[in-house]
């Protein structure tokens, strides 16, 4: 869904983080025109607990000003064919998660009449 290039290990070569629905991948630049998948080793799979969120974007910035790039990943939603969630807009000021009721999505927020 998205990608971000940055030199996360400060070796002078741009590395690549790719986001997606089923998996996120961190590719380390081997400095010879090839890349190695170091996702597991770096601990940036995009899986939280036992769930993989739908990651759509990423960015590298030095958030804590320590001279090393920090990775930020934007997750769109918790989605799978088996667990489809609906978001409800409360007067278009915020999106609130919906809950499932007998296989159908129902807003967790009472609707006004």
Protein backbone atom coordinates (compact mmCIF):
# COMPACT_ATOMS: atom_id res chain seq x y z
CA UNK A 1 0.00 0.00 0.00
CA UNK A 2 2.89 2.37 0.72
CA UNK A 3 6.64 2.66 1.07
CA UNK A 4 9.18 4.83 2.86
CA UNK A 5 12.88 5.09 2.07
CA UNK A 6 15.37 5.97 4.79
CA UNK A 7 18.79 4.98 6.07
CA UNK A 8 17.67 3.36 9.33
CA UNK A 9 21.08 1.92 10.20
CA UNK A 10 23.14 5.00 9.23
CA UNK A 11 25.34 3.11 6.78
CA UNK A 12 24.88 5.75 4.08
CA UNK A 13 22.52 3.65 1.91
CA UNK A 14 18.75 4.08 1.65
CA UNK A 15 16.73 1.18 3.03
CA UNK A 16 13.07 0.56 2.23
CA UNK A 17 10.02 -0.14 4.40
CA UNK A 18 6.94 -1.40 2.51
CA UNK A 19 3.48 -1.45 4.11
CA UNK A 20 0.55 -3.65 3.17
CA UNK A 21 -2.55 -5.56 4.20
CA UNK A 22 -1.03 -8.94 5.04
CA UNK A 23 2.52 -7.95 5.89
CA UNK A 24 4.98 -5.10 6.21
CA UNK A 25 8.56 -5.59 5.03
CA UNK A 26 11.81 -3.82 5.91
CA UNK A 27 14.42 -4.22 3.17
CA UNK A 28 18.03 -3.52 4.12
CA UNK A 29 20.17 -2.15 1.28
CA UNK A 30 23.06 -4.57 0.69
CA UNK A 31 25.03 -1.81 -1.11
CA UNK A 32 25.32 -3.98 -4.24
CA UNK A 33 21.97 -3.31 -5.91
CA UNK A 34 20.13 -5.92 -3.84
CA UNK A 35 18.06 -5.78 -0.66
CA UNK A 36 17.63 -8.26 2.21
CA UNK A 37 14.39 -8.79 4.15
CA UNK A 38 15.26 -7.92 7.78
CA UNK A 39 11.69 -7.44 9.01
CA UNK A 40 11.70 -10.11 11.72
CA UNK A 41 15.17 -9.21 12.95
CA UNK A 42 14.21 -5.53 13.26
CA UNK A 43 10.85 -6.35 14.89
CA UNK A 44 8.76 -4.25 12.49
CA UNK A 45 6.30 -6.81 11.10
CA UNK A 46 3.22 -4.68 11.72
CA UNK A 47 1.71 -7.43 13.86
CA UNK A 48 0.41 -6.31 17.25
CA UNK A 49 -0.52 -9.12 19.59
CA UNK A 50 -1.79 -11.67 17.10
CA UNK A 51 -3.31 -9.16 14.65
CA UNK A 52 -1.86 -7.58 11.53
CA UNK A 53 -3.39 -4.17 10.94
CA UNK A 54 -3.85 -2.77 7.43
CA UNK A 55 -0.81 -0.49 7.10
CA UNK A 56 -1.10 2.13 4.38
CA UNK A 57 1.82 4.47 4.89
CA UNK A 58 5.11 4.92 6.70
CA UNK A 59 7.64 7.66 7.38
CA UNK A 60 11.16 7.84 8.76
CA UNK A 61 11.99 10.78 11.05
CA UNK A 62 14.34 11.35 13.96
CA UNK A 63 11.52 11.77 16.49
CA UNK A 64 13.64 11.63 19.64
CA UNK A 65 16.56 13.60 18.19
CA UNK A 66 19.11 10.84 18.86
CA UNK A 67 20.58 10.87 15.35
CA UNK A 68 18.81 7.64 14.34
CA UNK A 69 15.70 7.44 12.18
CA UNK A 70 12.48 6.32 13.88
CA UNK A 71 9.77 4.51 11.93
CA UNK A 72 6.17 5.67 12.00
CA UNK A 73 3.50 3.49 10.39
CA UNK A 74 -0.05 4.63 9.63
CA UNK A 75 -2.61 1.85 9.98
CA UNK A 76 -5.88 2.33 8.14
CA UNK A 77 -7.97 -0.12 10.11
CA UNK A 78 -8.24 -3.59 11.57
CA UNK A 79 -9.53 -5.42 8.51
CA UNK A 80 -9.82 -8.96 7.26
CA UNK A 81 -12.44 -10.74 5.15
CA UNK A 82 -13.58 -12.54 8.31
CA UNK A 83 -13.64 -9.42 10.48
CA UNK A 84 -14.92 -6.45 8.53
CA UNK A 85 -15.31 -3.34 10.69
CA UNK A 86 -17.40 -0.28 10.04
CA UNK A 87 -16.51 3.24 11.18
CA UNK A 88 -19.20 5.70 12.15
CA UNK A 89 -18.72 9.45 11.89
CA UNK A 90 -20.05 11.43 14.86
CA UNK A 91 -21.08 14.62 13.08
CA UNK A 92 -17.92 14.33 10.97
CA UNK A 93 -15.70 15.35 13.91
CA UNK A 94 -14.35 11.92 14.80
CA UNK A 95 -14.57 8.33 13.71
CA UNK A 96 -15.66 5.86 16.34
CA UNK A 97 -15.26 2.09 16.10
CA UNK A 98 -18.30 -0.05 15.50
CA UNK A 99 -19.09 -3.32 17.23
CA UNK A 100 -20.40 -6.53 15.73
CA UNK A 101 -23.87 -7.73 16.65
CA UNK A 102 -24.87 -11.12 15.23
CA UNK A 103 -22.54 -10.72 12.24
CA UNK A 104 -23.75 -7.22 11.38
CA UNK A 105 -21.98 -4.00 12.23
CA UNK A 106 -23.80 -1.74 14.64
CA UNK A 107 -22.54 1.59 15.92
CA UNK A 108 -21.17 1.61 19.46
CA UNK A 109 -22.56 5.12 19.81
CA UNK A 110 -26.32 5.64 20.29
CA UNK A 111 -27.92 7.31 17.29
CA UNK A 112 -29.82 10.53 17.80
CA UNK A 113 -33.50 10.62 16.88
